[in-house]
Amino acid sequence: MSQHNLYAIIRQQQEQLVAMKAQLQVLAKRRVRGTGAAVARPQVFDGTPAEVSGFVTACRLYIRMKMREIIVEEQIQWILSYV
């Protein structure tokens, strides 16, 4: 492989890095503005014994979805800080 080819490969990779960084910044701005899908909160528990199971399930799903949302946000910020 000639030195000219290596420079071309490096230049191409640098251009790809710039494009990916720009895409990540757009995604991060969308997340900050809140344009992503919002996680709906579970309905208020009315105290009915028959509703306990459904309420607990809804709360578990809500917590899982919020945790994923936070993890994705942290991953985007981490990537942006190292690119």
PDB file of N, CA and C in Angstrom:
ATOM      1  N   MET A   1       0.846  -1.169   0.000  1.00  0.00           N
ATOM      2  CA  MET A   1       0.000   0.000   0.000  1.00  0.00           C
ATOM      3  C   MET A   1       0.896   1.237   0.000  1.00  0.00           C
ATOM      4  N   SER A   2       0.636   2.126  -0.939  1.00  0.00           N
ATOM      5  CA  SER A   2       1.478   3.316  -1.037  1.00  0.00           C
ATOM      6  C   SER A   2       1.096   4.348   0.021  1.00  0.00           C
ATOM      7  N   GLN A   3       1.991   5.272   0.224  1.00  0.00           N
ATOM      8  CA  GLN A   3       1.766   6.321   1.212  1.00  0.00           C
ATOM      9  C   GLN A   3       0.596   7.208   0.778  1.00  0.00           C
ATOM     10  N   HIS A   4       0.441   7.394  -0.532  1.00  0.00           N
ATOM     11  CA  HIS A   4      -0.672   8.198  -1.048  1.00  0.00           C
ATOM     12  C   HIS A   4      -2.014   7.570  -0.662  1.00  0.00           C
ATOM     13  N   ASN A   5      -2.104   6.237  -0.759  1.00  0.00           N
ATOM     14  CA  ASN A   5      -3.338   5.540  -0.391  1.00  0.00           C
ATOM     15  C   ASN A   5      -3.629   5.689   1.104  1.00  0.00           C
ATOM     16  N   LEU A   6      -2.596   5.646   1.928  1.00  0.00           N
ATOM     17  CA  LEU A   6      -2.784   5.811   3.371  1.00  0.00           C
ATOM     18  C   LEU A   6      -3.328   7.193   3.700  1.00  0.00           C
ATOM     19  N   TYR A   7      -2.802   8.224   3.052  1.00  0.00           N
ATOM     20  CA  TYR A   7      -3.303   9.577   3.288  1.00  0.00           C
ATOM     21  C   TYR A   7      -4.763   9.698   2.856  1.00  0.00           C
ATOM     22  N   ALA A   8      -5.105   9.067   1.746  1.00  0.00           N
ATOM     23  CA  ALA A   8      -6.489   9.108   1.260  1.00  0.00           C
ATOM     24  C   ALA A   8      -7.426   8.406   2.243  1.00  0.00           C
ATOM     25  N   ILE A   9      -6.985   7.285   2.790  1.00  0.00           N
ATOM     26  CA  ILE A   9      -7.786   6.547   3.769  1.00  0.00           C
ATOM     27  C   ILE A   9      -7.976   7.371   5.036  1.00  0.00           C
ATOM     28  N   ILE A  10      -6.905   7.996   5.508  1.00  0.00           N
ATOM     29  CA  ILE A  10      -6.983   8.824   6.713  1.00  0.00           C
ATOM     30  C   ILE A  10      -7.924   9.999   6.491  1.00  0.00           C
ATOM     31  N   ARG A  11      -7.821  10.659   5.349  1.00  0.00           N
ATOM     32  CA  ARG A  11      -8.684  11.790   5.037  1.00  0.00           C
ATOM     33  C   ARG A  11     -10.160  11.350   4.989  1.00  0.00           C
ATOM     34  N   GLN A  12     -10.405  10.197   4.383  1.00  0.00           N
ATOM     35  CA  GLN A  12     -11.767   9.674   4.295  1.00  0.00           C
ATOM     36  C   GLN A  12     -12.325   9.360   5.694  1.00  0.00           C
ATOM     37  N   GLN A  13     -11.509   8.783   6.547  1.00  0.00           N
ATOM     38  CA  GLN A  13     -11.955   8.474   7.904  1.00  0.00           C
ATOM     39  C   GLN A  13     -12.206   9.741   8.718  1.00  0.00           C
ATOM     40  N   GLN A  14     -11.385  10.749   8.509  1.00  0.00           N
ATOM     41  CA  GLN A  14     -11.602  12.020   9.196  1.00  0.00           C
ATOM     42  C   GLN A  14     -12.924  12.662   8.759  1.00  0.00           C
ATOM     43  N   GLU A  15     -13.228  12.587   7.473  1.00  0.00           N
ATOM     44  CA  GLU A  15     -14.492  13.125   6.966  1.00  0.00           C
ATOM     45  C   GLU A  15     -15.679  12.359   7.551  1.00  0.00           C
ATOM     46  N   GLN A  16     -15.544  11.051   7.666  1.00  0.00           N
ATOM     47  CA  GLN A  16     -16.610  10.241   8.254  1.00  0.00           C
ATOM     48  C   GLN A  16     -16.812  10.600   9.723  1.00  0.00           C
ATOM     49  N   LEU A  17     -15.704  10.835  10.440  1.00  0.00           N
ATOM     50  CA  LEU A  17     -15.799  11.240  11.850  1.00  0.00           C
ATOM     51  C   LEU A  17     -16.538  12.564  11.996  1.00  0.00           C
ATOM     52  N   VAL A  18     -16.232  13.515  11.139  1.00  0.00           N
ATOM     53  CA  VAL A  18     -16.899  14.815  11.189  1.00  0.00           C
ATOM     54  C   VAL A  18     -18.397  14.641  10.929  1.00  0.00           C
ATOM     55  N   ALA A  19     -18.748  13.827   9.943  1.00  0.00           N
ATOM     56  CA  ALA A  19     -20.160  13.600   9.624  1.00  0.00           C
ATOM     57  C   ALA A  19     -20.884  12.913  10.777  1.00  0.00           C
ATOM     58  N   MET A  20     -20.243  11.927  11.399  1.00  0.00           N
ATOM     59  CA  MET A  20     -20.868  11.222  12.520  1.00  0.00           C
ATOM     60  C   MET A  20     -21.027  12.149  13.722  1.00  0.00           C
ATOM     61  N   LYS A  21     -20.044  13.004  13.966  1.00  0.00           N
ATOM     62  CA  LYS A  21     -20.140  13.948  15.079  1.00  0.00           C
ATOM     63  C   LYS A  21     -21.300  14.910  14.855  1.00  0.00           C
ATOM     64  N   ALA A  22     -21.467  15.362  13.624  1.00  0.00           N
ATOM     65  CA  ALA A  22     -22.576  16.264  13.309  1.00  0.00           C
ATOM     66  C   ALA A  22     -23.917  15.563  13.528  1.00  0.00           C
ATOM     67  N   GLN A  23     -24.010  14.298  13.133  1.00  0.00           N
ATOM     68  CA  GLN A  23     -25.240  13.537  13.342  1.00  0.00           C
ATOM     69  C   GLN A  23     -25.532  13.376  14.830  1.00  0.00           C
ATOM     70  N   LEU A  24     -24.512  13.084  15.622  1.00  0.00           N
ATOM     71  CA  LEU A  24     -24.699  12.936  17.066  1.00  0.00           C
ATOM     72  C   LEU A  24     -25.136  14.244  17.714  1.00  0.00           C
ATOM     73  N   GLN A  25     -24.589  15.356  17.241  1.00  0.00           N
ATOM     74  CA  GLN A  25     -24.987  16.645  17.795  1.00  0.00           C
ATOM     75  C   GLN A  25     -26.443  16.952  17.481  1.00  0.00           C
ATOM     76  N   VAL A  26     -26.891  16.594  16.274  1.00  0.00           N
ATOM     77  CA  VAL A  26     -28.300  16.787  15.923  1.00  0.00           C
ATOM     78  C   VAL A  26     -29.181  15.934  16.832  1.00  0.00           C
ATOM     79  N   LEU A  27     -28.783  14.691  17.054  1.00  0.00           N
ATOM     80  CA  LEU A  27     -29.550  13.813  17.949  1.00  0.00           C
ATOM     81  C   LEU A  27     -29.579  14.360  19.364  1.00  0.00           C
ATOM     82  N   ALA A  28     -28.459  14.868  19.833  1.00  0.00           N
ATOM     83  CA  ALA A  28     -28.404  15.415  21.187  1.00  0.00           C
ATOM     84  C   ALA A  28     -29.300  16.641  21.313  1.00  0.00           C
ATOM     85  N   LYS A  29     -29.326  17.500  20.309  1.00  0.00           N
ATOM     86  CA  LYS A  29     -30.190  18.679  20.346  1.00  0.00           C
ATOM     87  C   LYS A  29     -31.661  18.271  20.368  1.00  0.00           C
ATOM     88  N   ARG A  30     -32.006  17.257  19.601  1.00  0.00           N
ATOM     89  CA  ARG A  30     -33.390  16.778  19.599  1.00  0.00           C
ATOM     90  C   ARG A  30     -33.779  16.269  20.969  1.00  0.00           C
ATOM     91  N   ARG A  31     -32.869  15.568  21.631  1.00  0.00           N
ATOM     92  CA  ARG A  31     -33.154  15.024  22.966  1.00  0.00           C
ATOM     93  C   ARG A  31     -33.334  16.161  23.967  1.00  0.00           C
ATOM     94  N   VAL A  32     -32.493  17.194  23.871  1.00  0.00           N
ATOM     95  CA  VAL A  32     -32.575  18.312  24.806  1.00  0.00           C
ATOM     96  C   VAL A  32     -33.879  19.068  24.611  1.00  0.00           C
ATOM     97  N   ARG A  33     -34.279  19.247  23.372  1.00  0.00           N
ATOM     98  CA  ARG A  33     -35.508  19.975  23.089  1.00  0.00           C
ATOM     99  C   ARG A  33     -36.751  19.167  23.435  1.00  0.00           C
ATOM    100  N   GLY A  34     -36.580  17.890  23.678  1.00  0.00           N
ATOM    101  CA  GLY A  34     -37.719  17.057  24.050  1.00  0.00           C
ATOM    102  C   GLY A  34     -38.545  16.593  22.870  1.00  0.00           C
ATOM    103  N   THR A  35     -37.945  16.534  21.680  1.00  0.00           N
ATOM    104  CA  THR A  35     -38.698  16.100  20.525  1.00  0.00           C
ATOM    105  C   THR A  35     -38.776  14.580  20.424  1.00  0.00           C
ATOM    106  N   GLY A  36     -38.057  13.906  21.302  1.00  0.00           N
ATOM    107  CA  GLY A  36     -38.135  12.443  21.306  1.00  0.00           C
ATOM    108  C   GLY A  36     -39.458  12.001  21.901  1.00  0.00           C
ATOM    109  N   ALA A  37     -39.744  10.746  21.798  1.00  0.00           N
ATOM    110  CA  ALA A  37     -41.001  10.225  22.331  1.00  0.00           C
ATOM    111  C   ALA A  37     -41.006  10.363  23.851  1.00  0.00           C
ATOM    112  N   ALA A  38     -42.068  10.902  24.364  1.00  0.00           N
ATOM    113  CA  ALA A  38     -42.190  11.072  25.802  1.00  0.00           C
ATOM    114  C   ALA A  38     -42.739   9.794  26.429  1.00  0.00           C
ATOM    115  N   VAL A  39     -42.257   9.484  27.603  1.00  0.00           N
ATOM    116  CA  VAL A  39     -42.725   8.311  28.321  1.00  0.00           C
ATOM    117  C   VAL A  39     -43.921   8.737  29.167  1.00  0.00           C
ATOM    118  N   ALA A  40     -45.049   8.093  28.912  1.00  0.00           N
ATOM    119  CA  ALA A  40     -46.267   8.440  29.649  1.00  0.00           C
ATOM    120  C   ALA A  40     -46.193   7.897  31.073  1.00  0.00           C
ATOM    121  N   ARG A  41     -46.598   8.713  32.020  1.00  0.00           N
ATOM    122  CA  ARG A  41     -46.608   8.281  33.418  1.00  0.00           C
ATOM    123  C   ARG A  41     -47.798   7.351  33.645  1.00  0.00           C
ATOM    124  N   PRO A  42     -47.643   6.418  34.593  1.00  0.00           N
ATOM    125  CA  PRO A  42     -48.781   5.540  34.909  1.00  0.00           C
ATOM    126  C   PRO A  42     -49.918   6.356  35.522  1.00  0.00           C
ATOM    127  N   GLN A  43     -51.133   5.850  35.349  1.00  0.00           N
ATOM    128  CA  GLN A  43     -52.276   6.538  35.934  1.00  0.00           C
ATOM    129  C   GLN A  43     -52.194   6.482  37.456  1.00  0.00           C
ATOM    130  N   VAL A  44     -52.840   7.416  38.094  1.00  0.00           N
ATOM    131  CA  VAL A  44     -52.843   7.476  39.550  1.00  0.00           C
ATOM    132  C   VAL A  44     -53.593   6.258  40.095  1.00  0.00           C
ATOM    133  N   PHE A  45     -52.990   5.632  41.078  1.00  0.00           N
ATOM    134  CA  PHE A  45     -53.595   4.447  41.694  1.00  0.00           C
ATOM    135  C   PHE A  45     -54.794   4.871  42.530  1.00  0.00           C
ATOM    136  N   ASP A  46     -55.937   4.207  42.288  1.00  0.00           N
ATOM    137  CA  ASP A  46     -57.172   4.596  42.983  1.00  0.00           C
ATOM    138  C   ASP A  46     -57.432   3.805  44.271  1.00  0.00           C
ATOM    139  N   GLY A  47     -56.538   2.878  44.604  1.00  0.00           N
ATOM    140  CA  GLY A  47     -56.678   2.132  45.854  1.00  0.00           C
ATOM    141  C   GLY A  47     -57.482   0.852  45.750  1.00  0.00           C
ATOM    142  N   THR A  48     -58.010   0.545  44.589  1.00  0.00           N
ATOM    143  CA  THR A  48     -58.796  -0.665  44.397  1.00  0.00           C
ATOM    144  C   THR A  48     -57.871  -1.876  44.396  1.00  0.00           C
ATOM    145  N   PRO A  49     -58.156  -2.888  45.251  1.00  0.00           N
ATOM    146  CA  PRO A  49     -57.279  -4.072  45.304  1.00  0.00           C
ATOM    147  C   PRO A  49     -57.127  -4.778  43.947  1.00  0.00           C
ATOM    148  N   ALA A  50     -58.151  -4.765  43.135  1.00  0.00           N
ATOM    149  CA  ALA A  50     -58.083  -5.440  41.837  1.00  0.00           C
ATOM    150  C   ALA A  50     -57.129  -4.726  40.870  1.00  0.00           C
ATOM    151  N   GLU A  51     -56.828  -3.464  41.120  1.00  0.00           N
ATOM    152  CA  GLU A  51     -55.974  -2.680  40.233  1.00  0.00           C
ATOM    153  C   GLU A  51     -54.495  -2.718  40.614  1.00  0.00           C
ATOM    154  N   VAL A  52     -54.149  -3.356  41.725  1.00  0.00           N
ATOM    155  CA  VAL A  52     -52.769  -3.343  42.215  1.00  0.00           C
ATOM    156  C   VAL A  52     -51.803  -3.941  41.190  1.00  0.00           C
ATOM    157  N   SER A  53     -52.115  -5.094  40.667  1.00  0.00           N
ATOM    158  CA  SER A  53     -51.225  -5.774  39.731  1.00  0.00           C
ATOM    159  C   SER A  53     -50.966  -4.927  38.487  1.00  0.00           C
ATOM    160  N   GLY A  54     -52.013  -4.370  37.901  1.00  0.00           N
ATOM    161  CA  GLY A  54     -51.863  -3.541  36.709  1.00  0.00           C
ATOM    162  C   GLY A  54     -51.056  -2.281  36.989  1.00  0.00           C
ATOM    163  N   PHE A  55     -51.300  -1.684  38.159  1.00  0.00           N
ATOM    164  CA  PHE A  55     -50.573  -0.467  38.520  1.00  0.00           C
ATOM    165  C   PHE A  55     -49.088  -0.754  38.706  1.00  0.00           C
ATOM    166  N   VAL A  56     -48.771  -1.848  39.386  1.00  0.00           N
ATOM    167  CA  VAL A  56     -47.366  -2.210  39.616  1.00  0.00           C
ATOM    168  C   VAL A  56     -46.673  -2.499  38.276  1.00  0.00           C
ATOM    169  N   THR A  57     -47.346  -3.198  37.380  1.00  0.00           N
ATOM    170  CA  THR A  57     -46.779  -3.491  36.060  1.00  0.00           C
ATOM    171  C   THR A  57     -46.522  -2.207  35.280  1.00  0.00           C
ATOM    172  N   ALA A  58     -47.486  -1.286  35.320  1.00  0.00           N
ATOM    173  CA  ALA A  58     -47.325  -0.005  34.628  1.00  0.00           C
ATOM    174  C   ALA A  58     -46.142   0.773  35.199  1.00  0.00           C
ATOM    175  N   CYS A  59     -45.985   0.751  36.505  1.00  0.00           N
ATOM    176  CA  CYS A  59     -44.861   1.456  37.144  1.00  0.00           C
ATOM    177  C   CYS A  59     -43.526   0.834  36.746  1.00  0.00           C
ATOM    178  N   ARG A  60     -43.460  -0.479  36.696  1.00  0.00           N
ATOM    179  CA  ARG A  60     -42.216  -1.152  36.290  1.00  0.00           C
ATOM    180  C   ARG A  60     -41.831  -0.775  34.868  1.00  0.00           C
ATOM    181  N   LEU A  61     -42.814  -0.795  33.958  1.00  0.00           N
ATOM    182  CA  LEU A  61     -42.550  -0.428  32.572  1.00  0.00           C
ATOM    183  C   LEU A  61     -42.080   1.024  32.471  1.00  0.00           C
ATOM    184  N   TYR A  62     -42.729   1.900  33.216  1.00  0.00           N
ATOM    185  CA  TYR A  62     -42.358   3.308  33.213  1.00  0.00           C
ATOM    186  C   TYR A  62     -40.910   3.491  33.672  1.00  0.00           C
ATOM    187  N   ILE A  63     -40.546   2.836  34.744  1.00  0.00           N
ATOM    188  CA  ILE A  63     -39.181   2.959  35.269  1.00  0.00           C
ATOM    189  C   ILE A  63     -38.160   2.417  34.275  1.00  0.00           C
ATOM    190  N   ARG A  64     -38.447   1.280  33.666  1.00  0.00           N
ATOM    191  CA  ARG A  64     -37.525   0.712  32.669  1.00  0.00           C
ATOM    192  C   ARG A  64     -37.330   1.665  31.493  1.00  0.00           C
ATOM    193  N   MET A  65     -38.433   2.232  31.011  1.00  0.00           N
ATOM    194  CA  MET A  65     -38.336   3.135  29.863  1.00  0.00           C
ATOM    195  C   MET A  65     -37.555   4.398  30.222  1.00  0.00           C
ATOM    196  N   LYS A  66     -37.758   4.932  31.410  1.00  0.00           N
ATOM    197  CA  LYS A  66     -37.030   6.125  31.830  1.00  0.00           C
ATOM    198  C   LYS A  66     -35.541   5.809  31.983  1.00  0.00           C
ATOM    199  N   MET A  67     -35.217   4.629  32.492  1.00  0.00           N
ATOM    200  CA  MET A  67     -33.811   4.243  32.644  1.00  0.00           C
ATOM    201  C   MET A  67     -33.144   4.131  31.281  1.00  0.00           C
ATOM    202  N   ARG A  68     -33.829   3.558  30.305  1.00  0.00           N
ATOM    203  CA  ARG A  68     -33.270   3.456  28.952  1.00  0.00           C
ATOM    204  C   ARG A  68     -33.044   4.836  28.369  1.00  0.00           C
ATOM    205  N   GLU A  69     -33.991   5.732  28.589  1.00  0.00           N
ATOM    206  CA  GLU A  69     -33.873   7.093  28.092  1.00  0.00           C
ATOM    207  C   GLU A  69     -32.626   7.766  28.667  1.00  0.00           C
ATOM    208  N   ILE A  70     -32.387   7.591  29.935  1.00  0.00           N
ATOM    209  CA  ILE A  70     -31.220   8.176  30.587  1.00  0.00           C
ATOM    210  C   ILE A  70     -29.941   7.547  30.057  1.00  0.00           C
ATOM    211  N   ILE A  71     -29.943   6.241  29.878  1.00  0.00           N
ATOM    212  CA  ILE A  71     -28.755   5.544  29.377  1.00  0.00           C
ATOM    213  C   ILE A  71     -28.405   6.033  27.975  1.00  0.00           C
ATOM    214  N   VAL A  72     -29.401   6.178  27.113  1.00  0.00           N
ATOM    215  CA  VAL A  72     -29.148   6.647  25.748  1.00  0.00           C
ATOM    216  C   VAL A  72     -28.578   8.059  25.787  1.00  0.00           C
ATOM    217  N   GLU A  73     -29.163   8.930  26.621  1.00  0.00           N
ATOM    218  CA  GLU A  73     -28.665  10.293  26.749  1.00  0.00           C
ATOM    219  C   GLU A  73     -27.216  10.307  27.223  1.00  0.00           C
ATOM    220  N   GLU A  74     -26.874   9.476  28.187  1.00  0.00           N
ATOM    221  CA  GLU A  74     -25.499   9.398  28.692  1.00  0.00           C
ATOM    222  C   GLU A  74     -24.547   8.898  27.614  1.00  0.00           C
ATOM    223  N   GLN A  75     -24.991   7.930  26.816  1.00  0.00           N
ATOM    224  CA  GLN A  75     -24.148   7.402  25.757  1.00  0.00           C
ATOM    225  C   GLN A  75     -23.864   8.471  24.714  1.00  0.00           C
ATOM    226  N   ILE A  76     -24.879   9.246  24.347  1.00  0.00           N
ATOM    227  CA  ILE A  76     -24.685  10.308  23.362  1.00  0.00           C
ATOM    228  C   ILE A  76     -23.698  11.334  23.895  1.00  0.00           C
ATOM    229  N   GLN A  77     -23.860  11.746  25.152  1.00  0.00           N
ATOM    230  CA  GLN A  77     -22.955  12.732  25.740  1.00  0.00           C
ATOM    231  C   GLN A  77     -21.532  12.189  25.826  1.00  0.00           C
ATOM    232  N   TRP A  78     -21.369  10.926  26.159  1.00  0.00           N
ATOM    233  CA  TRP A  78     -20.048  10.315  26.247  1.00  0.00           C
ATOM    234  C   TRP A  78     -19.381  10.308  24.878  1.00  0.00           C
ATOM    235  N   ILE A  79     -20.127   9.911  23.853  1.00  0.00           N
ATOM    236  CA  ILE A  79     -19.564   9.857  22.505  1.00  0.00           C
ATOM    237  C   ILE A  79     -19.155  11.254  22.042  1.00  0.00           C
ATOM    238  N   LEU A  80     -20.028  12.244  22.300  1.00  0.00           N
ATOM    239  CA  LEU A  80     -19.711  13.610  21.892  1.00  0.00           C
ATOM    240  C   LEU A  80     -18.473  14.141  22.608  1.00  0.00           C
ATOM    241  N   SER A  81     -18.265  13.715  23.818  1.00  0.00           N
ATOM    242  CA  SER A  81     -17.106  14.223  24.549  1.00  0.00           C
ATOM    243  C   SER A  81     -15.789  13.637  24.044  1.00  0.00           C
ATOM    244  N   TYR A  82     -15.827  12.504  23.365  1.00  0.00           N
ATOM    245  CA  TYR A  82     -14.598  11.857  22.894  1.00  0.00           C
ATOM    246  C   TYR A  82     -14.386  11.972  21.393  1.00  0.00           C
ATOM    247  N   VAL A  83     -15.327  12.596  20.695  1.00  0.00           N
ATOM    248  CA  VAL A  83     -15.161  12.718  19.234  1.00  0.00           C
ATOM    249  C   VAL A  83     -14.628  14.084  18.899  1.00  0.00           C
TER     250      VAL A  83
END
